[in-house]
PDB file of N, CA and C in Angstrom:
ATOM      1  N   MET A   1       0.636 -16.455   2.230  1.00  0.00           N
ATOM      2  CA  MET A   1       0.939 -15.425   2.222  1.00  0.00           C
ATOM      3  C   MET A   1       0.737 -14.841   1.122  1.00  0.00           C
ATOM      4  N   ASN A   2       0.828 -13.752   2.586  1.00  0.00           N
ATOM      5  CA  ASN A   2       0.152 -12.354   1.155  1.00  0.00           C
ATOM      6  C   ASN A   2       1.419 -11.211   0.785  1.00  0.00           C
ATOM      7  N   LYS A   3       1.646 -10.864  -0.336  1.00  0.00           N
ATOM      8  CA  LYS A   3       2.839 -10.615  -1.289  1.00  0.00           C
ATOM      9  C   LYS A   3       3.510  -9.234  -0.340  1.00  0.00           C
ATOM     10  N   LEU A   4       2.406  -8.341  -0.189  1.00  0.00           N
ATOM     11  CA  LEU A   4       2.073  -7.443   0.462  1.00  0.00           C
ATOM     12  C   LEU A   4       1.119  -7.157   1.903  1.00  0.00           C
ATOM     13  N   LYS A   5       2.203  -6.084   2.659  1.00  0.00           N
ATOM     14  CA  LYS A   5       1.626  -6.675   4.099  1.00  0.00           C
ATOM     15  C   LYS A   5       1.607  -5.101   4.459  1.00  0.00           C
ATOM     16  N   ARG A   6       1.351  -4.350   5.324  1.00  0.00           N
ATOM     17  CA  ARG A   6       1.089  -3.264   6.318  1.00  0.00           C
ATOM     18  C   ARG A   6       2.043  -2.848   6.705  1.00  0.00           C
ATOM     19  N   ASP A   7       2.883  -1.184   6.246  1.00  0.00           N
ATOM     20  CA  ASP A   7       4.021  -0.920   6.711  1.00  0.00           C
ATOM     21  C   ASP A   7       4.951  -1.216   5.957  1.00  0.00           C
ATOM     22  N   ASP A   8       4.770  -1.658   4.235  1.00  0.00           N
ATOM     23  CA  ASP A   8       6.163  -1.747   3.105  1.00  0.00           C
ATOM     24  C   ASP A   8       5.466  -0.970   2.724  1.00  0.00           C
ATOM     25  N   GLN A   9       6.842  -0.339   2.321  1.00  0.00           N
ATOM     26  CA  GLN A   9       6.942   1.171   1.191  1.00  0.00           C
ATOM     27  C   GLN A   9       6.515   0.389  -0.292  1.00  0.00           C
ATOM     28  N   VAL A  10       6.013   0.939  -0.705  1.00  0.00           N
ATOM     29  CA  VAL A  10       5.082   0.515  -2.277  1.00  0.00           C
ATOM     30  C   VAL A  10       5.311   1.940  -2.795  1.00  0.00           C
ATOM     31  N   ILE A  11       5.127   1.632  -3.971  1.00  0.00           N
ATOM     32  CA  ILE A  11       4.988   2.806  -5.317  1.00  0.00           C
ATOM     33  C   ILE A  11       4.090   2.710  -6.083  1.00  0.00           C
ATOM     34  N   VAL A  12       3.366   3.427  -6.738  1.00  0.00           N
ATOM     35  CA  VAL A  12       2.396   3.551  -7.397  1.00  0.00           C
ATOM     36  C   VAL A  12       2.281   3.604  -8.600  1.00  0.00           C
ATOM     37  N   ILE A  13       2.117   2.689  -9.691  1.00  0.00           N
ATOM     38  CA  ILE A  13       2.965   2.352 -11.082  1.00  0.00           C
ATOM     39  C   ILE A  13       1.569   2.710 -12.349  1.00  0.00           C
ATOM     40  N   THR A  14       0.278   2.903 -11.784  1.00  0.00           N
ATOM     41  CA  THR A  14      -0.219   3.443 -12.941  1.00  0.00           C
ATOM     42  C   THR A  14      -1.824   4.130 -11.970  1.00  0.00           C
ATOM     43  N   GLY A  15      -2.395   5.242 -13.180  1.00  0.00           N
ATOM     44  CA  GLY A  15      -3.126   5.362 -12.416  1.00  0.00           C
ATOM     45  C   GLY A  15      -2.603   7.630 -12.186  1.00  0.00           C
ATOM     46  N   LYS A  16      -3.857   7.955 -12.085  1.00  0.00           N
ATOM     47  CA  LYS A  16      -3.415   9.566 -11.639  1.00  0.00           C
ATOM     48  C   LYS A  16      -2.216   9.943 -10.539  1.00  0.00           C
ATOM     49  N   ASP A  17      -1.947   8.787  -9.539  1.00  0.00           N
ATOM     50  CA  ASP A  17      -1.224   9.240  -8.845  1.00  0.00           C
ATOM     51  C   ASP A  17       0.140   8.151  -9.349  1.00  0.00           C
ATOM     52  N   LYS A  18       0.541   7.998 -10.411  1.00  0.00           N
ATOM     53  CA  LYS A  18       1.753   7.412 -10.729  1.00  0.00           C
ATOM     54  C   LYS A  18       3.051   7.994 -10.260  1.00  0.00           C
ATOM     55  N   GLY A  19       3.731   6.859  -9.636  1.00  0.00           N
ATOM     56  CA  GLY A  19       5.286   7.598  -9.242  1.00  0.00           C
ATOM     57  C   GLY A  19       4.724   7.628  -7.488  1.00  0.00           C
ATOM     58  N   LYS A  20       4.349   8.268  -7.329  1.00  0.00           N
ATOM     59  CA  LYS A  20       4.123   8.175  -5.705  1.00  0.00           C
ATOM     60  C   LYS A  20       4.506   7.524  -5.098  1.00  0.00           C
ATOM     61  N   ARG A  21       5.188   7.600  -4.106  1.00  0.00           N
ATOM     62  CA  ARG A  21       5.500   6.673  -2.702  1.00  0.00           C
ATOM     63  C   ARG A  21       5.115   6.831  -1.515  1.00  0.00           C
ATOM     64  N   GLY A  22       4.416   5.940  -0.990  1.00  0.00           N
ATOM     65  CA  GLY A  22       3.850   6.039   0.552  1.00  0.00           C
ATOM     66  C   GLY A  22       4.085   4.602   0.988  1.00  0.00           C
ATOM     67  N   THR A  23       3.472   4.030   2.214  1.00  0.00           N
ATOM     68  CA  THR A  23       3.111   3.210   3.027  1.00  0.00           C
ATOM     69  C   THR A  23       2.028   2.373   3.111  1.00  0.00           C
ATOM     70  N   ILE A  24       2.192   1.122   3.016  1.00  0.00           N
ATOM     71  CA  ILE A  24       0.690   0.268   2.961  1.00  0.00           C
ATOM     72  C   ILE A  24       0.192   1.122   4.428  1.00  0.00           C
ATOM     73  N   SER A  25      -1.084   1.723   4.870  1.00  0.00           N
ATOM     74  CA  SER A  25      -1.775   1.973   6.374  1.00  0.00           C
ATOM     75  C   SER A  25      -2.315   0.744   6.574  1.00  0.00           C
ATOM     76  N   GLN A  26      -3.678   0.370   4.913  1.00  0.00           N
ATOM     77  CA  GLN A  26      -5.240  -0.506   5.672  1.00  0.00           C
ATOM     78  C   GLN A  26      -4.603  -1.343   4.145  1.00  0.00           C
ATOM     79  N   LEU A  27      -5.107  -3.142   4.628  1.00  0.00           N
ATOM     80  CA  LEU A  27      -5.571  -3.865   3.660  1.00  0.00           C
ATOM     81  C   LEU A  27      -6.594  -3.792   4.049  1.00  0.00           C
ATOM     82  N   VAL A  28      -7.270  -3.887   2.336  1.00  0.00           N
ATOM     83  CA  VAL A  28      -8.707  -3.986   2.602  1.00  0.00           C
ATOM     84  C   VAL A  28      -9.987  -4.997   1.464  1.00  0.00           C
ATOM     85  N   GLY A  29     -10.011  -6.112   2.626  1.00  0.00           N
ATOM     86  CA  GLY A  29     -10.473  -7.291   1.856  1.00  0.00           C
ATOM     87  C   GLY A  29      -8.832  -8.081   1.086  1.00  0.00           C
ATOM     88  N   ASN A  30      -9.699  -8.742   0.403  1.00  0.00           N
ATOM     89  CA  ASN A  30      -7.859  -9.580  -0.283  1.00  0.00           C
ATOM     90  C   ASN A  30      -7.299  -8.451  -1.769  1.00  0.00           C
ATOM     91  N   ASP A  31      -8.023  -7.660  -2.046  1.00  0.00           N
ATOM     92  CA  ASP A  31      -7.304  -7.036  -3.325  1.00  0.00           C
ATOM     93  C   ASP A  31      -7.625  -5.181  -3.172  1.00  0.00           C
ATOM     94  N   LYS A  32      -7.887  -4.685  -2.031  1.00  0.00           N
ATOM     95  CA  LYS A  32      -7.201  -3.194  -2.108  1.00  0.00           C
ATOM     96  C   LYS A  32      -7.085  -2.972  -1.106  1.00  0.00           C
ATOM     97  N   VAL A  33      -6.005  -2.005  -1.294  1.00  0.00           N
ATOM     98  CA  VAL A  33      -5.689  -0.889  -0.250  1.00  0.00           C
ATOM     99  C   VAL A  33      -5.202  -0.062  -0.184  1.00  0.00           C
ATOM    100  N   ILE A  34      -5.036   0.788   1.169  1.00  0.00           N
ATOM    101  CA  ILE A  34      -4.563   2.326   1.018  1.00  0.00           C
ATOM    102  C   ILE A  34      -3.586   2.438   1.124  1.00  0.00           C
ATOM    103  N   VAL A  35      -3.712   3.601   1.015  1.00  0.00           N
ATOM    104  CA  VAL A  35      -1.607   3.876   0.796  1.00  0.00           C
ATOM    105  C   VAL A  35      -1.771   5.648   1.325  1.00  0.00           C
ATOM    106  N   ALA A  36      -0.440   5.419   2.494  1.00  0.00           N
ATOM    107  CA  ALA A  36      -0.770   6.459   3.284  1.00  0.00           C
ATOM    108  C   ALA A  36      -0.066   8.271   2.110  1.00  0.00           C
ATOM    109  N   GLY A  37      -1.277   8.787   2.386  1.00  0.00           N
ATOM    110  CA  GLY A  37      -1.107  10.355   1.281  1.00  0.00           C
ATOM    111  C   GLY A  37      -1.213  10.023   0.165  1.00  0.00           C
ATOM    112  N   VAL A  38      -1.587   8.896  -0.657  1.00  0.00           N
ATOM    113  CA  VAL A  38      -1.708   8.558  -1.898  1.00  0.00           C
ATOM    114  C   VAL A  38      -3.727   8.193  -2.297  1.00  0.00           C
ATOM    115  N   ASN A  39      -3.892   8.639  -2.923  1.00  0.00           N
ATOM    116  CA  ASN A  39      -5.366   8.827  -4.072  1.00  0.00           C
ATOM    117  C   ASN A  39      -6.197   9.188  -2.809  1.00  0.00           C
ATOM    118  N   MET A  40      -5.900  10.961  -2.654  1.00  0.00           N
ATOM    119  CA  MET A  40      -6.994  11.579  -1.737  1.00  0.00           C
ATOM    120  C   MET A  40      -7.680  12.057  -2.939  1.00  0.00           C
ATOM    121  N   VAL A  41      -9.426  11.497  -2.011  1.00  0.00           N
ATOM    122  CA  VAL A  41     -10.591  11.996  -2.492  1.00  0.00           C
ATOM    123  C   VAL A  41     -11.474  12.922  -1.202  1.00  0.00           C
ATOM    124  N   LYS A  42     -12.049  13.820  -1.814  1.00  0.00           N
ATOM    125  CA  LYS A  42     -12.621  14.643  -0.937  1.00  0.00           C
ATOM    126  C   LYS A  42     -14.450  13.985  -0.841  1.00  0.00           C
ATOM    127  N   ARG A  43     -14.493  13.654   0.705  1.00  0.00           N
ATOM    128  CA  ARG A  43     -15.679  13.404   1.414  1.00  0.00           C
ATOM    129  C   ARG A  43     -16.035  14.542   1.996  1.00  0.00           C
ATOM    130  N   HIS A  44     -17.719  14.742   0.994  1.00  0.00           N
ATOM    131  CA  HIS A  44     -18.607  15.704   1.994  1.00  0.00           C
ATOM    132  C   HIS A  44     -19.503  14.946   2.904  1.00  0.00           C
ATOM    133  N   THR A  45     -19.105  15.632   4.173  1.00  0.00           N
ATOM    134  CA  THR A  45     -19.713  15.109   5.043  1.00  0.00           C
ATOM    135  C   THR A  45     -20.846  15.988   5.765  1.00  0.00           C
ATOM    136  N   ARG A  46     -21.518  15.526   6.371  1.00  0.00           N
ATOM    137  CA  ARG A  46     -22.596  16.432   7.644  1.00  0.00           C
ATOM    138  C   ARG A  46     -22.286  16.993   8.992  1.00  0.00           C
ATOM    139  N   PRO A  47     -22.512  17.725   8.949  1.00  0.00           N
ATOM    140  CA  PRO A  47     -22.600  18.020  10.819  1.00  0.00           C
ATOM    141  C   PRO A  47     -23.255  17.052  11.810  1.00  0.00           C
ATOM    142  N   SER A  48     -21.960  16.570  12.960  1.00  0.00           N
ATOM    143  CA  SER A  48     -23.182  15.920  13.543  1.00  0.00           C
ATOM    144  C   SER A  48     -23.360  16.349  15.148  1.00  0.00           C
ATOM    145  N   PRO A  49     -24.145  17.141  15.333  1.00  0.00           N
ATOM    146  CA  PRO A  49     -24.175  17.582  16.833  1.00  0.00           C
ATOM    147  C   PRO A  49     -24.035  16.914  18.700  1.00  0.00           C
ATOM    148  N   ASN A  50     -24.306  15.413  18.181  1.00  0.00           N
ATOM    149  CA  ASN A  50     -24.166  14.555  19.241  1.00  0.00           C
ATOM    150  C   ASN A  50     -23.012  14.238  19.594  1.00  0.00           C
ATOM    151  N   GLN A  51     -22.706  13.937  17.989  1.00  0.00           N
ATOM    152  CA  GLN A  51     -21.262  13.233  18.372  1.00  0.00           C
ATOM    153  C   GLN A  51     -20.008  14.008  18.703  1.00  0.00           C
ATOM    154  N   GLY A  52     -20.405  15.973  18.099  1.00  0.00           N
ATOM    155  CA  GLY A  52     -19.389  16.540  18.075  1.00  0.00           C
ATOM    156  C   GLY A  52     -18.447  16.819  16.857  1.00  0.00           C
ATOM    157  N   LYS A  53     -19.416  16.058  16.004  1.00  0.00           N
ATOM    158  CA  LYS A  53     -18.435  16.668  14.194  1.00  0.00           C
ATOM    159  C   LYS A  53     -18.906  17.782  13.527  1.00  0.00           C
ATOM    160  N   PRO A  54     -18.214  18.175  13.553  1.00  0.00           N
ATOM    161  CA  PRO A  54     -18.542  19.634  12.142  1.00  0.00           C
ATOM    162  C   PRO A  54     -18.351  18.781  10.992  1.00  0.00           C
ATOM    163  N   GLY A  55     -19.466  19.209   9.817  1.00  0.00           N
ATOM    164  CA  GLY A  55     -19.816  19.414   8.886  1.00  0.00           C
ATOM    165  C   GLY A  55     -18.490  19.835   7.473  1.00  0.00           C
ATOM    166  N   GLY A  56     -18.321  19.055   6.603  1.00  0.00           N
ATOM    167  CA  GLY A  56     -17.595  19.829   6.221  1.00  0.00           C
ATOM    168  C   GLY A  56     -17.062  19.071   4.749  1.00  0.00           C
ATOM    169  N   ILE A  57     -15.948  19.653   3.956  1.00  0.00           N
ATOM    170  CA  ILE A  57     -14.854  18.937   3.428  1.00  0.00           C
ATOM    171  C   ILE A  57     -14.348  18.499   4.039  1.00  0.00           C
ATOM    172  N   ILE A  58     -14.178  17.211   3.420  1.00  0.00           N
ATOM    173  CA  ILE A  58     -13.233  16.191   4.408  1.00  0.00           C
ATOM    174  C   ILE A  58     -12.320  15.365   2.998  1.00  0.00           C
ATOM    175  N   GLU A  59     -11.134  15.832   3.326  1.00  0.00           N
ATOM    176  CA  GLU A  59      -9.931  14.445   2.314  1.00  0.00           C
ATOM    177  C   GLU A  59      -9.136  13.778   2.875  1.00  0.00           C
ATOM    178  N   LYS A  60      -9.218  12.742   2.546  1.00  0.00           N
ATOM    179  CA  LYS A  60      -8.874  11.309   2.844  1.00  0.00           C
ATOM    180  C   LYS A  60      -8.555  10.617   1.817  1.00  0.00           C
ATOM    181  N   GLU A  61      -7.536   9.801   2.520  1.00  0.00           N
ATOM    182  CA  GLU A  61      -6.945   8.388   1.398  1.00  0.00           C
ATOM    183  C   GLU A  61      -8.401   7.341   1.262  1.00  0.00           C
ATOM    184  N   ALA A  62      -8.396   6.961  -0.326  1.00  0.00           N
ATOM    185  CA  ALA A  62      -8.930   6.053  -0.870  1.00  0.00           C
ATOM    186  C   ALA A  62      -8.467   4.470  -0.855  1.00  0.00           C
ATOM    187  N   ALA A  63      -9.434   3.786  -1.120  1.00  0.00           N
ATOM    188  CA  ALA A  63      -8.654   2.708  -1.388  1.00  0.00           C
ATOM    189  C   ALA A  63      -8.608   2.122  -2.698  1.00  0.00           C
ATOM    190  N   MET A  64      -7.517   1.594  -2.947  1.00  0.00           N
ATOM    191  CA  MET A  64      -6.654   1.474  -4.393  1.00  0.00           C
ATOM    192  C   MET A  64      -6.572  -0.057  -4.404  1.00  0.00           C
ATOM    193  N   HIS A  65      -6.790  -0.667  -5.703  1.00  0.00           N
ATOM    194  CA  HIS A  65      -6.410  -2.266  -6.225  1.00  0.00           C
ATOM    195  C   HIS A  65      -5.291  -2.249  -6.070  1.00  0.00           C
ATOM    196  N   ILE A  66      -4.675  -3.138  -5.710  1.00  0.00           N
ATOM    197  CA  ILE A  66      -3.261  -3.953  -5.507  1.00  0.00           C
ATOM    198  C   ILE A  66      -2.805  -4.269  -6.907  1.00  0.00           C
ATOM    199  N   SER A  67      -3.260  -3.969  -7.749  1.00  0.00           N
ATOM    200  CA  SER A  67      -2.429  -4.391  -9.351  1.00  0.00           C
ATOM    201  C   SER A  67      -1.351  -3.291  -9.534  1.00  0.00           C
ATOM    202  N   ASN A  68      -1.807  -1.913  -8.915  1.00  0.00           N
ATOM    203  CA  ASN A  68      -1.531  -0.848  -9.568  1.00  0.00           C
ATOM    204  C   ASN A  68      -0.875  -0.238  -8.220  1.00  0.00           C
ATOM    205  N   ILE A  69      -0.515  -0.951  -7.979  1.00  0.00           N
ATOM    206  CA  ILE A  69       0.870  -0.417  -6.830  1.00  0.00           C
ATOM    207  C   ILE A  69       2.127  -1.616  -6.843  1.00  0.00           C
ATOM    208  N   ALA A  70       2.858  -1.443  -6.351  1.00  0.00           N
ATOM    209  CA  ALA A  70       4.264  -2.257  -6.256  1.00  0.00           C
ATOM    210  C   ALA A  70       5.639  -1.687  -5.063  1.00  0.00           C
ATOM    211  N   ILE A  71       5.812  -2.981  -4.680  1.00  0.00           N
ATOM    212  CA  ILE A  71       6.928  -2.371  -3.572  1.00  0.00           C
ATOM    213  C   ILE A  71       8.063  -2.057  -3.834  1.00  0.00           C
ATOM    214  N   PHE A  72       8.631  -1.204  -3.195  1.00  0.00           N
ATOM    215  CA  PHE A  72       9.501  -0.125  -4.000  1.00  0.00           C
ATOM    216  C   PHE A  72      10.962  -0.691  -2.770  1.00  0.00           C
ATOM    217  N   ASN A  73      12.332  -1.069  -3.457  1.00  0.00           N
ATOM    218  CA  ASN A  73      13.283  -1.449  -3.514  1.00  0.00           C
ATOM    219  C   ASN A  73      14.164  -0.211  -3.873  1.00  0.00           C
ATOM    220  N   LEU A  74      14.657  -0.345  -1.823  1.00  0.00           N
ATOM    221  CA  LEU A  74      15.271   1.035  -1.389  1.00  0.00           C
ATOM    222  C   LEU A  74      16.798   0.402  -1.962  1.00  0.00           C
ATOM    223  N   GLU A  75      17.389  -0.519  -2.762  1.00  0.00           N
ATOM    224  CA  GLU A  75      18.510  -0.571  -2.963  1.00  0.00           C
ATOM    225  C   GLU A  75      18.880  -0.456  -4.245  1.00  0.00           C
ATOM    226  N   SER A  76      17.901  -0.987  -5.392  1.00  0.00           N
ATOM    227  CA  SER A  76      17.741  -0.766  -6.500  1.00  0.00           C
ATOM    228  C   SER A  76      17.437   0.593  -6.886  1.00  0.00           C
ATOM    229  N   ASN A  77      16.834   1.145  -5.991  1.00  0.00           N
ATOM    230  CA  ASN A  77      15.875   2.864  -5.930  1.00  0.00           C
ATOM    231  C   ASN A  77      14.471   2.486  -6.663  1.00  0.00           C
ATOM    232  N   SER A  78      14.004   1.626  -7.541  1.00  0.00           N
ATOM    233  CA  SER A  78      12.823   1.138  -8.015  1.00  0.00           C
ATOM    234  C   SER A  78      11.571   0.700  -7.522  1.00  0.00           C
ATOM    235  N   ALA A  79      10.805   0.165  -8.582  1.00  0.00           N
ATOM    236  CA  ALA A  79       9.783  -0.890  -8.075  1.00  0.00           C
ATOM    237  C   ALA A  79      10.028  -2.209  -8.383  1.00  0.00           C
ATOM    238  N   ASP A  80       9.552  -3.281  -7.042  1.00  0.00           N
ATOM    239  CA  ASP A  80      10.178  -4.400  -7.628  1.00  0.00           C
ATOM    240  C   ASP A  80       9.438  -5.552  -7.342  1.00  0.00           C
ATOM    241  N   ARG A  81       9.173  -6.780  -7.573  1.00  0.00           N
ATOM    242  CA  ARG A  81       8.176  -7.419  -7.471  1.00  0.00           C
ATOM    243  C   ARG A  81       8.398  -9.018  -5.833  1.00  0.00           C
ATOM    244  N   VAL A  82       7.549  -9.503  -5.905  1.00  0.00           N
ATOM    245  CA  VAL A  82       7.736 -10.210  -4.490  1.00  0.00           C
ATOM    246  C   VAL A  82       7.540 -11.667  -4.804  1.00  0.00           C
ATOM    247  N   GLY A  83       8.800 -12.074  -4.489  1.00  0.00           N
ATOM    248  CA  GLY A  83       8.895 -13.540  -4.468  1.00  0.00           C
ATOM    249  C   GLY A  83       8.732 -14.522  -3.172  1.00  0.00           C
ATOM    250  N   ILE A  84       8.138 -15.854  -3.539  1.00  0.00           N
ATOM    251  CA  ILE A  84       7.728 -16.202  -1.865  1.00  0.00           C
ATOM    252  C   ILE A  84       9.034 -17.352  -2.294  1.00  0.00           C
ATOM    253  N   GLN A  85      10.211 -17.470  -0.955  1.00  0.00           N
ATOM    254  CA  GLN A  85      11.308 -18.416  -1.103  1.00  0.00           C
ATOM    255  C   GLN A  85      10.577 -19.037   0.485  1.00  0.00           C
ATOM    256  N   VAL A  86      11.227 -20.985   0.165  1.00  0.00           N
ATOM    257  CA  VAL A  86      11.040 -21.427   1.294  1.00  0.00           C
ATOM    258  C   VAL A  86      12.275 -21.944   2.075  1.00  0.00           C
ATOM    259  N   ASP A  87      12.311 -22.082   2.968  1.00  0.00           N
ATOM    260  CA  ASP A  87      13.646 -21.942   3.582  1.00  0.00           C
ATOM    261  C   ASP A  87      13.948 -23.809   4.145  1.00  0.00           C
ATOM    262  N   ASP A  88      14.893 -24.184   4.253  1.00  0.00           N
ATOM    263  CA  ASP A  88      15.291 -25.184   4.344  1.00  0.00           C
ATOM    264  C   ASP A  88      14.192 -26.068   5.659  1.00  0.00           C
ATOM    265  N   ASP A  89      14.327 -25.401   6.812  1.00  0.00           N
ATOM    266  CA  ASP A  89      13.543 -25.767   7.797  1.00  0.00           C
ATOM    267  C   ASP A  89      11.846 -25.865   7.545  1.00  0.00           C
ATOM    268  N   GLY A  90      11.301 -25.161   6.335  1.00  0.00           N
ATOM    269  CA  GLY A  90      10.179 -25.028   5.845  1.00  0.00           C
ATOM    270  C   GLY A  90       9.145 -23.928   5.787  1.00  0.00           C
ATOM    271  N   MET A  91      10.051 -22.575   6.341  1.00  0.00           N
ATOM    272  CA  MET A  91       9.576 -21.688   6.394  1.00  0.00           C
ATOM    273  C   MET A  91       9.409 -20.642   5.540  1.00  0.00           C
ATOM    274  N   LYS A  92       8.447 -19.917   5.396  1.00  0.00           N
ATOM    275  CA  LYS A  92       8.228 -18.797   4.025  1.00  0.00           C
ATOM    276  C   LYS A  92       9.324 -17.750   4.710  1.00  0.00           C
ATOM    277  N   LYS A  93       9.745 -17.154   3.824  1.00  0.00           N
ATOM    278  CA  LYS A  93       9.912 -15.636   3.345  1.00  0.00           C
ATOM    279  C   LYS A  93       9.800 -14.544   2.091  1.00  0.00           C
ATOM    280  N   ARG A  94       9.659 -13.295   1.930  1.00  0.00           N
ATOM    281  CA  ARG A  94       9.583 -12.684   0.821  1.00  0.00           C
ATOM    282  C   ARG A  94      10.518 -12.042   0.575  1.00  0.00           C
ATOM    283  N   VAL A  95      11.168 -12.129  -0.490  1.00  0.00           N
ATOM    284  CA  VAL A  95      12.190 -11.977  -1.609  1.00  0.00           C
ATOM    285  C   VAL A  95      11.616 -10.894  -3.029  1.00  0.00           C
ATOM    286  N   PHE A  96      12.568 -10.073  -2.967  1.00  0.00           N
ATOM    287  CA  PHE A  96      12.830  -9.220  -3.769  1.00  0.00           C
ATOM    288  C   PHE A  96      12.895 -10.206  -5.154  1.00  0.00           C
ATOM    289  N   LYS A  97      12.323 -10.159  -6.605  1.00  0.00           N
ATOM    290  CA  LYS A  97      12.305 -11.040  -7.778  1.00  0.00           C
ATOM    291  C   LYS A  97      13.588 -10.071  -8.184  1.00  0.00           C
ATOM    292  N   SER A  98      13.739  -9.472  -8.325  1.00  0.00           N
ATOM    293  CA  SER A  98      16.049  -8.926  -9.396  1.00  0.00           C
ATOM    294  C   SER A  98      16.533  -9.363  -8.236  1.00  0.00           C
ATOM    295  N   ASN A  99      16.613  -9.143  -6.924  1.00  0.00           N
ATOM    296  CA  ASN A  99      18.462  -9.288  -6.383  1.00  0.00           C
ATOM    297  C   ASN A  99      17.889 -10.778  -5.653  1.00  0.00           C
ATOM    298  N   GLY A 100      16.930 -11.338  -5.265  1.00  0.00           N
ATOM    299  CA  GLY A 100      16.926 -12.407  -4.681  1.00  0.00           C
ATOM    300  C   GLY A 100      16.757 -11.824  -2.845  1.00  0.00           C
ATOM    301  N   GLN A 101      17.165 -10.383  -2.430  1.00  0.00           N
ATOM    302  CA  GLN A 101      17.312 -10.311  -1.015  1.00  0.00           C
ATOM    303  C   GLN A 101      15.822 -10.475  -0.343  1.00  0.00           C
ATOM    304  N   GLU A 102      16.438 -10.681   1.002  1.00  0.00           N
ATOM    305  CA  GLU A 102      15.440 -10.990   1.589  1.00  0.00           C
ATOM    306  C   GLU A 102      14.767  -9.523   1.822  1.00  0.00           C
ATOM    307  N   ILE A 103      13.124  -9.406   2.368  1.00  0.00           N
ATOM    308  CA  ILE A 103      12.274  -8.250   2.761  1.00  0.00           C
ATOM    309  C   ILE A 103      12.071  -7.852   3.671  1.00  0.00           C
ATOM    310  N   ASP A 104      11.582  -9.023   4.116  1.00  0.00           N
ATOM    311  CA  ASP A 104      11.346  -8.720   5.732  1.00  0.00           C
ATOM    312  C   ASP A 104      12.840  -8.743   6.584  1.00  0.00           C
TER     313      ASP A 104
END
């Protein structure tokens, strides 16, 4: 079970965008994520007349390592860690480490 999932509210804890918040829009492999509005890079693209795409400089989100972000706890208004807890019936659920509150 992954500790971070798509549409989780996260905060950047290190790097050039430290302190910015966003939601995970895509998981890239096992250890990288794309966070909406964070880690913006400029990509120079060539025009493609066959596909109808103009060339120019496009700004988009780049992938960042999962260790550079932490899940955001709205109740405590700070970064938190994720723990896995097993119910009596054997179902796993994600919880915040600080207060034990269920995430999903």
